[in-house]
Protein backbone atom coordinates (compact mmCIF):
# COMPACT_ATOMS: atom_id res chain seq x y z
CA MET A 1 92.32 8.50 101.83
CA PRO A 2 89.40 6.66 103.48
CA LYS A 3 89.74 2.93 103.97
CA LEU A 4 86.80 1.26 102.25
CA VAL A 5 85.81 -2.39 102.48
CA ASN A 6 83.81 -3.60 99.48
CA SER A 7 80.55 -5.38 100.29
CA LYS A 8 79.54 -7.49 97.30
CA SER A 9 76.30 -8.68 98.87
CA GLY A 10 75.30 -5.26 100.19
CA GLU A 11 75.39 -6.05 103.90
CA HIS A 12 77.19 -2.75 104.54
CA HIS A 13 78.18 0.44 102.76
CA ASP A 14 81.48 2.20 103.53
CA PHE A 15 81.90 5.84 102.50
CA PRO A 16 84.11 8.88 103.16
CA LEU A 17 83.11 11.69 105.51
CA GLY A 18 84.59 14.47 103.40
CA VAL A 19 86.65 17.14 105.14
CA LEU A 20 86.26 15.31 108.45
CA GLU A 21 88.84 12.81 107.11
CA ALA A 22 87.18 9.67 108.39
CA THR A 23 85.37 6.61 107.04
CA GLY A 24 81.81 5.71 107.96
CA ARG A 25 79.74 2.55 107.60
CA LEU A 26 75.98 2.06 107.29
CA THR A 27 73.81 -1.04 107.10
CA ASP A 28 70.17 -1.24 106.06
CA GLY A 29 67.92 0.61 108.54
CA ASP A 30 70.75 2.43 110.35
CA ARG A 31 70.35 5.98 111.63
CA LYS A 32 73.80 6.07 113.20
CA ILE A 33 77.07 6.23 111.23
CA LEU A 34 79.65 3.73 112.53
CA ILE A 35 83.17 5.18 112.41
CA MET A 36 85.54 2.68 110.79
CA ASP A 37 88.65 4.82 110.39
CA VAL A 38 89.88 8.25 111.50
CA GLY A 39 92.63 10.01 109.55
CA LYS A 40 95.70 11.13 111.44
CA ASP A 41 95.63 14.81 112.42
CA GLY A 42 92.42 15.36 110.49
CA ALA A 43 89.47 17.44 111.67
CA ALA A 44 87.68 14.40 113.12
CA GLN A 45 90.67 13.15 115.11
CA LEU A 46 91.51 16.61 116.41
CA ALA A 47 87.93 16.93 117.68
CA GLY A 48 88.18 13.57 119.48
CA LEU A 49 86.21 11.26 117.16
CA GLN A 50 87.29 7.62 117.56
CA VAL A 51 86.98 4.35 115.67
CA GLY A 52 83.88 2.54 116.94
CA ASP A 53 81.94 5.74 117.69
CA ARG A 54 78.45 5.99 116.23
CA ILE A 55 77.29 9.43 115.08
CA ALA A 56 73.76 9.64 116.45
CA LYS A 57 72.95 13.33 115.91
CA ILE A 58 74.20 15.91 113.43
CA GLU A 59 73.55 19.56 114.25
CA ASN A 60 71.16 18.27 116.93
CA LYS A 61 69.12 16.34 114.33
CA ILE A 62 68.51 12.59 114.25
CA PRO A 63 69.12 11.31 110.71
CA ASP A 64 66.51 9.43 108.72
CA GLN A 65 67.10 5.72 108.21
CA PHE A 66 69.59 4.48 105.63
CA SER A 67 68.18 2.17 102.99
CA LYS A 68 70.26 -0.08 100.77
CA LYS A 69 67.63 0.22 98.04
CA THR A 70 69.13 1.91 94.99
CA ASP A 71 66.18 4.26 94.48
CA ALA A 72 66.74 5.73 97.97
CA GLY A 73 69.87 7.48 96.71
CA LEU A 74 71.68 9.40 99.44
CA SER A 75 68.70 9.76 101.77
CA GLY A 76 69.38 9.17 105.45
CA PRO A 77 72.53 9.94 107.44
CA GLN A 78 74.63 10.67 104.32
CA ASP A 79 72.24 13.36 103.15
CA LEU A 80 72.05 15.04 106.55
CA LEU A 81 75.82 14.95 107.10
CA GLY A 82 76.66 16.19 103.60
CA ARG A 83 74.13 19.01 103.72
CA SER A 84 75.25 19.99 107.21
CA LEU A 85 78.85 20.23 106.05
CA ASP A 86 77.76 22.28 103.05
CA LYS A 87 75.57 24.55 105.19
CA GLN A 88 78.35 25.13 107.71
CA SER A 89 80.73 26.27 104.96
CA GLY A 90 82.53 29.51 105.76
CA SER A 91 85.29 30.82 107.97
CA ASN A 92 85.54 29.62 111.58
CA SER A 93 82.73 27.12 111.00
CA ARG A 94 82.07 24.12 113.21
CA LEU A 95 80.03 20.95 112.93
CA SER A 96 78.20 19.81 116.03
CA ILE A 97 77.73 16.05 116.38
CA GLU A 98 76.65 13.70 119.13
CA VAL A 99 78.24 10.25 119.22
CA LEU A 100 77.49 7.07 121.08
CA ARG A 101 80.69 5.63 122.55
CA GLY A 102 79.92 2.34 124.21
CA GLN A 103 76.99 3.22 126.48
CA GLU A 104 77.98 6.86 126.85
CA THR A 105 77.03 9.90 124.79
CA GLN A 106 79.70 12.40 123.77
CA LYS A 107 79.17 15.81 122.17
CA LEU A 108 81.85 16.98 119.76
CA ASN A 109 82.39 20.28 117.94
CA ILE A 110 84.50 19.75 114.86
CA ILE A 111 86.38 22.73 113.41
CA LEU A 112 85.91 22.65 109.63
CA PRO A 113 88.27 23.92 106.92
CA LYS A 114 87.15 27.19 105.34
CA SER A 115 84.98 26.67 102.28
CA SER A 116 82.02 28.05 100.34
CA SER A 117 78.77 26.22 99.65
CA PHE A 118 77.93 23.91 96.72
CA SER A 119 74.31 25.10 96.82
CA PHE A 120 73.10 26.24 93.40
CA SER A 121 71.35 29.16 95.12
CA SER A 122 74.70 30.33 96.46
CA PRO A 123 76.63 32.89 94.36
CA GLN A 124 79.85 31.18 95.46
CA SER A 125 78.72 27.76 94.17
CA CYS A 126 80.28 28.08 90.71
CA SER A 127 83.64 29.17 92.11
CA LYS A 128 83.61 26.28 94.60
CA ARG A 129 82.92 23.77 91.81
CA ILE A 130 85.71 25.20 89.70
CA GLU A 131 88.09 25.26 92.66
CA PHE A 132 87.27 21.64 93.55
CA LEU A 133 87.72 20.57 89.92
CA SER A 134 91.05 22.39 89.79
CA ASP A 135 92.20 20.67 93.00
CA ILE A 136 91.26 17.29 91.54
CA ALA A 137 93.14 18.04 88.32
CA LYS A 138 96.24 19.06 90.29
CA GLN A 139 95.99 15.85 92.31
CA LEU A 140 95.79 13.81 89.09
CA VAL A 141 98.85 15.55 87.65
CA LYS A 142 100.69 14.88 90.90
CA THR A 143 99.80 11.17 90.95
CA GLN A 144 100.31 10.44 87.24
CA GLN A 145 103.08 7.88 86.81
CA ALA A 146 106.15 8.40 84.65
CA ASN A 147 104.77 6.26 81.81
CA GLY A 148 101.65 8.45 81.60
CA ARG A 149 99.15 6.17 83.29
CA TRP A 150 97.26 6.41 86.57
CA LYS A 151 97.65 3.50 88.92
CA PRO A 152 94.81 0.97 88.80
CA GLY A 153 93.58 -1.13 91.69
CA VAL A 154 94.98 -4.31 90.14
CA GLY A 155 97.28 -5.34 87.35
CA GLY A 156 96.12 -6.24 83.87
CA ASP A 157 94.63 -3.60 81.60
CA ALA A 158 92.53 -1.59 84.07
CA ASP A 159 95.05 1.26 83.86
CA VAL A 160 94.02 2.07 80.28
CA TYR A 161 90.36 2.64 81.11
CA THR A 162 91.27 4.57 84.26
CA THR A 163 93.77 6.73 82.39
CA ALA A 164 91.26 7.66 79.69
CA PHE A 165 88.82 9.03 82.27
CA CYS A 166 91.54 10.81 84.26
CA GLY A 167 92.69 12.41 81.00
CA LEU A 168 89.14 13.63 80.36
CA VAL A 169 89.17 15.44 83.71
CA LEU A 170 92.37 17.27 82.78
CA LEU A 171 90.81 18.31 79.46
CA ALA A 172 87.69 19.53 81.27
CA ASN A 173 89.71 21.51 83.79
CA ASN A 174 90.89 23.72 80.92
CA ASP A 175 94.40 24.44 82.21
CA THR A 176 97.00 24.62 79.41
CA THR A 177 99.81 23.85 81.87
CA HIS A 178 98.36 20.33 82.08
CA LEU A 179 98.77 19.66 78.35
CA PRO A 180 102.03 17.71 78.88
CA SER A 181 100.21 15.38 81.32
CA ILE A 182 97.32 14.96 78.89
CA LYS A 183 99.69 14.06 76.05
CA LYS A 184 101.55 11.61 78.27
CA ALA A 185 98.25 9.93 79.03
CA ILE A 186 97.42 9.73 75.32
CA GLU A 187 100.78 8.22 74.48
CA PHE A 188 100.24 5.63 77.20
CA VAL A 189 96.81 4.49 75.99
CA ILE A 190 98.08 4.33 72.41
CA LYS A 191 101.10 2.24 73.34
CA ALA A 192 99.28 0.00 75.83
CA SER A 193 96.06 -0.45 73.88
CA VAL A 194 95.40 1.26 70.54
CA ALA A 195 98.64 0.02 68.96
CA SER A 196 97.42 -3.58 69.17
CA ILE A 197 94.39 -2.89 66.95
CA ASP A 198 94.29 -4.64 63.57
CA THR A 199 91.09 -3.53 61.87
CA ASN A 200 91.50 -6.37 59.36
CA ASP A 201 91.18 -8.84 62.22
CA PRO A 202 88.62 -7.72 64.83
CA LYS A 203 89.39 -10.80 66.90
CA LYS A 204 92.64 -9.10 67.86
CA GLY A 205 93.20 -5.99 69.93
CA PRO A 206 91.96 -4.51 73.22
CA LYS A 207 88.61 -5.07 74.92
CA ASN A 208 85.66 -3.03 73.73
CA TRP A 209 85.10 -1.03 76.90
CA GLN A 210 88.75 0.01 76.78
CA THR A 211 88.62 0.82 73.05
CA ALA A 212 85.52 2.99 73.50
CA ALA A 213 87.04 4.92 76.41
CA ASN A 214 90.17 5.53 74.35
CA GLY A 215 88.06 6.79 71.45
CA ILE A 216 86.10 9.15 73.72
CA PHE A 217 89.34 10.50 75.22
CA LEU A 218 91.11 10.97 71.86
CA ALA A 219 88.07 12.69 70.33
CA GLU A 220 87.65 15.10 73.24
CA TYR A 221 91.37 15.90 73.02
CA GLN A 222 91.11 16.82 69.34
CA LEU A 223 88.00 18.90 69.98
CA ALA A 224 89.69 20.67 72.91
CA THR A 225 92.97 21.45 71.17
CA GLY A 226 92.42 21.25 67.43
CA ASP A 227 95.42 18.90 67.30
CA THR A 228 94.77 16.16 64.71
CA LYS A 229 97.94 14.22 65.50
CA TYR A 230 96.01 11.32 67.01
CA PHE A 231 93.10 11.20 64.56
CA ASP A 232 94.31 7.96 62.95
CA ASP A 233 94.36 6.32 66.40
CA LEU A 234 90.85 7.63 67.06
CA LYS A 235 89.74 6.18 63.73
CA LYS A 236 91.23 2.78 64.62
CA CYS A 237 89.24 2.70 67.86
CA CYS A 238 85.98 3.62 66.12
CA ASP A 239 86.57 1.18 63.24
CA LEU A 240 87.33 -1.71 65.58
CA LEU A 241 84.14 -1.08 67.54
CA ALA A 242 82.14 -1.02 64.29
CA LYS A 243 83.62 -4.32 63.14
CA ARG A 244 82.70 -5.95 66.46
CA VAL A 245 78.98 -5.20 66.15
CA THR A 246 77.19 -8.41 65.16
CA GLU A 247 74.40 -8.62 62.56
CA LYS A 248 71.95 -8.68 65.48
CA GLY A 249 73.53 -5.52 66.91
CA THR A 250 75.00 -7.16 69.99
CA MET A 251 78.42 -6.39 71.48
CA GLY A 252 80.48 -8.02 74.22
CA HIS A 253 83.59 -7.38 76.25
CA HIS A 254 85.70 -8.44 73.25
CA PHE A 255 84.94 -10.03 69.89
CA SER A 256 82.87 -12.88 71.31
CA ILE A 257 79.39 -12.20 72.71
CA PRO A 258 78.74 -13.36 76.31
CA TYR A 259 75.54 -14.57 77.97
CA SER A 260 74.62 -17.03 75.20
CA GLY A 261 74.81 -14.27 72.62
CA GLY A 262 72.83 -11.75 74.67
CA GLY A 263 75.61 -9.19 74.84
CA LEU A 264 76.04 -6.11 77.00
CA ILE A 265 74.28 -2.87 76.15
CA VAL A 266 76.74 -0.89 78.27
CA ILE A 267 79.36 -1.70 75.59
CA ASN A 268 77.08 -0.60 72.73
CA VAL A 269 76.41 2.68 74.50
CA GLN A 270 80.06 3.59 74.96
CA ALA A 271 80.75 2.64 71.33
CA HIS A 272 78.00 5.02 70.18
CA LEU A 273 79.51 7.84 72.22
CA ALA A 274 82.96 7.21 70.73
CA TRP A 275 81.45 7.23 67.22
CA ALA A 276 79.44 10.40 67.89
CA LEU A 277 82.45 12.29 69.25
CA GLY A 278 84.64 10.90 66.49
CA GLU A 279 82.23 12.29 63.89
CA LYS A 280 82.79 15.77 65.36
CA CYS A 281 86.48 15.24 64.58
CA GLY A 282 85.91 14.16 60.97
CA TYR A 283 85.32 10.43 61.41
CA ARG A 284 82.79 8.88 59.04
CA ILE A 285 80.41 6.71 61.03
CA ASP A 286 79.74 3.20 59.75
CA GLU A 287 75.98 3.60 59.34
CA LYS A 288 75.31 -0.14 59.19
CA ALA A 289 77.10 -0.71 62.51
CA TRP A 290 75.35 2.29 64.08
CA ALA A 291 71.91 1.12 62.91
CA SER A 292 72.44 -2.49 64.03
CA SER A 293 73.72 -1.45 67.43
CA PHE A 294 71.02 1.18 67.91
CA SER A 295 68.36 -1.39 67.10
CA GLU A 296 69.64 -3.57 69.94
CA VAL A 297 69.75 -0.55 72.25
CA LYS A 298 66.10 0.30 71.55
CA LYS A 299 65.06 -3.30 72.18
CA SER A 300 66.77 -3.07 75.57
CA GLN A 301 64.53 -0.28 76.84
CA ASP A 302 62.56 -1.41 79.87
CA PRO A 303 58.86 -0.76 79.21
CA LYS A 304 58.28 -0.26 82.95
CA THR A 305 60.97 2.34 83.68
CA GLY A 306 61.78 3.70 80.21
CA ALA A 307 65.50 3.23 80.97
CA LEU A 308 67.97 0.85 79.33
CA GLY A 309 68.50 -2.65 80.72
CA TYR A 310 71.34 -5.14 80.38
CA SER A 311 70.31 -6.28 76.88
CA SER A 312 67.27 -6.98 74.70
CA ARG A 313 67.04 -10.32 76.49
CA ALA A 314 67.11 -8.65 79.91
CA PRO A 315 65.66 -5.13 79.63
CA TRP A 316 64.91 -4.93 83.35
CA SER A 317 67.66 -3.67 85.66
CA PRO A 318 68.11 -1.50 88.75
CA ASP A 319 71.48 -0.29 87.38
CA VAL A 320 70.26 2.03 84.63
CA SER A 321 72.45 5.11 84.76
CA ALA A 322 75.57 4.27 82.74
CA ARG A 323 73.66 2.69 79.86
CA THR A 324 70.89 5.27 79.82
CA GLY A 325 73.05 8.34 80.39
CA GLY A 326 75.73 7.24 77.94
CA MET A 327 73.19 6.63 75.17
CA ILE A 328 71.48 9.97 75.79
CA THR A 329 74.85 11.68 75.49
CA ALA A 330 75.79 9.84 72.29
CA LEU A 331 72.48 10.70 70.59
CA MET A 332 72.59 14.36 71.64
CA VAL A 333 76.21 14.77 70.52
CA ALA A 334 75.36 13.15 67.17
CA GLY A 335 72.09 15.08 66.79
CA ARG A 336 70.16 11.85 66.19
CA GLU A 337 66.96 10.44 67.67
CA GLU A 338 66.67 13.37 70.06
CA LYS A 339 63.06 12.50 70.96
CA PHE A 340 64.19 9.06 72.10
CA ALA A 341 67.13 10.61 73.98
CA ARG A 342 64.82 12.94 75.86
CA SER A 343 62.52 10.08 76.79
CA LEU A 344 65.55 8.28 78.25
CA ALA A 345 66.48 11.48 80.10
CA ASP A 346 63.02 11.64 81.65
CA SER A 347 63.49 8.14 83.06
CA LEU A 348 66.97 8.93 84.34
CA ILE A 349 65.78 12.06 86.13
CA ARG A 350 63.02 10.07 87.77
CA LEU A 351 65.46 7.31 88.75
CA ASN A 352 68.45 9.52 89.56
CA GLY A 353 68.82 7.90 92.99
CA ARG A 354 70.33 4.93 91.13
CA MET A 355 73.12 6.94 89.48
CA ARG A 356 75.98 5.49 91.51
CA HIS A 357 75.12 1.92 90.54
CA ALA A 358 76.38 0.46 87.27
CA HIS A 359 77.78 -3.03 86.77
CA ALA A 360 79.68 -3.13 90.07
CA MET A 361 80.90 0.40 89.36
CA SER A 362 79.89 3.77 90.76
CA SER A 363 82.15 5.68 88.39
CA ILE A 364 80.51 5.21 85.00
CA GLY A 365 77.03 5.51 86.47
CA LEU A 366 77.70 9.04 87.70
CA ILE A 367 79.93 10.08 84.80
CA PHE A 368 77.43 9.12 82.10
CA GLY A 369 74.35 9.80 84.21
CA PHE A 370 75.18 13.46 84.70
CA SER A 371 76.35 13.93 81.11
CA GLY A 372 73.07 12.48 79.82
CA ILE A 373 70.90 14.74 81.97
CA LYS A 374 72.97 17.80 81.09
CA THR A 375 72.78 17.24 77.33
CA ALA A 376 69.10 16.29 77.00
CA ALA A 377 67.39 17.82 80.02
CA LYS A 378 69.34 20.97 80.86
CA PRO A 379 66.42 22.71 82.68
CA ASP A 380 66.28 19.76 85.12
CA TYR A 381 70.04 19.49 85.61
CA ALA A 382 70.36 21.93 88.53
CA LYS A 383 67.48 20.20 90.35
CA VAL A 384 69.20 16.81 90.07
CA MET A 385 72.60 18.24 90.97
CA SER A 386 71.12 19.80 94.11
CA VAL A 387 70.04 16.31 95.19
CA TRP A 388 73.66 15.19 94.87
CA ILE A 389 75.30 18.05 96.78
CA PRO A 390 75.93 15.73 99.79
CA TYR A 391 77.83 13.37 97.48
CA LEU A 392 80.16 16.17 96.37
CA GLU A 393 80.64 17.34 99.96
CA LEU A 394 81.39 13.89 101.37
CA ALA A 395 83.83 13.11 98.54
CA ARG A 396 85.80 16.36 99.02
CA LEU A 397 89.15 16.03 100.75
CA PRO A 398 90.54 19.02 102.68
CA LYS A 399 94.07 18.73 101.30
CA GLY A 400 93.11 18.43 97.63
CA GLY A 401 91.43 15.86 95.43
CA ALA A 402 88.42 13.64 95.95
CA ALA A 403 87.81 10.43 97.84
CA PHE A 404 86.06 7.52 96.18
CA PHE A 405 82.39 7.39 97.20
CA GLY A 406 80.99 4.02 96.20
CA GLY A 407 77.59 2.50 95.65
CA LYS A 408 75.58 0.55 98.17
CA ARG A 409 76.41 -2.84 96.73
CA ASN A 410 79.27 -4.37 94.78
CA ILE A 411 81.95 -1.80 93.83
CA GLY A 412 84.47 -4.40 92.68
CA GLY A 413 84.71 -2.81 89.25
CA ASP A 414 85.88 0.47 90.74
CA GLN A 415 88.24 -1.42 93.04
CA TYR A 416 89.69 -2.99 89.88
CA LEU A 417 90.17 0.48 88.34
CA GLY A 418 91.70 1.90 91.54
CA TYR A 419 89.70 3.81 94.14
CA ALA A 420 92.05 6.81 94.31
CA SER A 421 92.36 7.32 90.55
CA ILE A 422 88.79 6.60 89.46
CA GLY A 423 87.41 8.44 92.51
CA ASN A 424 89.08 11.65 91.34
CA ALA A 425 87.98 11.03 87.76
CA MET A 426 84.40 10.36 88.80
CA VAL A 427 83.96 13.46 90.95
CA GLY A 428 85.93 15.60 88.49
CA LEU A 429 83.65 14.72 85.58
CA VAL A 430 80.51 15.27 87.66
CA LEU A 431 81.81 18.76 88.51
CA ALA A 432 82.77 19.42 84.90
CA SER A 433 79.26 18.59 83.72
CA ALA A 434 77.93 21.70 85.47
CA ASP A 435 79.91 24.02 83.21
CA ASP A 436 79.70 22.39 79.75
CA ARG A 437 83.41 21.58 79.97
CA LEU A 438 83.39 18.77 77.36
CA PHE A 439 81.35 17.94 74.24
CA MET A 440 79.90 15.05 76.23
CA HIS A 441 78.56 17.67 78.68
CA GLY A 442 76.89 19.79 76.02
CA GLY A 443 79.91 21.86 75.00
CA SER A 444 79.92 23.08 71.41
CA LYS A 445 83.04 25.23 71.19
CA LYS A 446 86.07 23.64 69.55
CA GLY A 447 89.64 24.46 70.56
CA TRP A 448 88.60 25.64 74.01
CA LEU A 449 91.75 24.47 75.74
CA VAL A 450 94.41 26.11 73.57
CA GLY A 451 92.16 29.15 73.26
CA GLN A 452 92.94 29.88 76.92
CA LYS A 453 96.60 30.65 76.24
């Protein structure tokens, strides 16, 4: 796995180099990728790449400058490297690079593992996505701990949120042999989180972001399998979220509302998605809670960008993807306010370069960003996905699974969740969005997982 150093102030951005098995670093204005780490016996090391080298040319091309601005997306050296790796896919393929080592220039030809292209114009693209998703799912099954969780980056309760998203990847992968792992994950989140809910006392129980993720996971499980065993636990999650919506529609991390009562729209959005998916399973939405929360969401729309900001008190924000994409998805799943959802989708498509930035987290920005575009703007989905092909290529590991590919600024939230676990979940759910693998990706068929037996 690449060794990433988080930069909270944005002075540098560390990222994986995909099948090359190395870690690169870029700072604002750079054209050259500084090599921070080289994996043992990987393609880069075998070709002679060393720590401290700077990749100056890729396939005899000088990269455009890297910009730490969120709207710049992947443009610059990352885009050129990722697209070059994708273009060179095939048997006996090589990547030609030129590196600056001290004051000397070295030319290296790196032998690449055999692979097909991610390009949407390629007939092999679908099979490559499915194969990559399958590899990620196998990696998650392999790394799942005995108690059903996936290891977080720190202690505390980060493992619950991480486990819910990892479980969603296994559901999306559609492999019935993974059902035991999925059920182990469910039992873990119930024991570690849902069991503490007392709907008569909303001051008790897990945090809201955790409760919403659990609800989303449990609902998608029931829709995938038809198994209603955990419906009561799903209902508890949805009820607790409803009871924590204030009269003004605000929500916080827990029962209390932070920022002098301003709240956090990212919590409202995930609650709406849990309610919408729960309704598909037979849950009766608390209409008062929905209406109050939705009112706050609408007030949080930035009149300049059309996307959702932090709250009605702070509608501006560069980090729009998780809030905007999650709300689009919730509304499209519920079949409500579709005109508003599509207006949000228009803003997200226009601002898709920001999709890996969300409250110090890349993961939820990409997960909810792609689900929102897929559900409300399907004709534009392939165009946006093609922009992000370099991201998929640079996150892909040659021996299975995905590396964490962070944002340009603070990724402390993902560090808290665990780079290895949430990195696989993040890439897995982006891949799954291409094939309508979950209801949150536009799926409409129930019982899809057991139907594969």
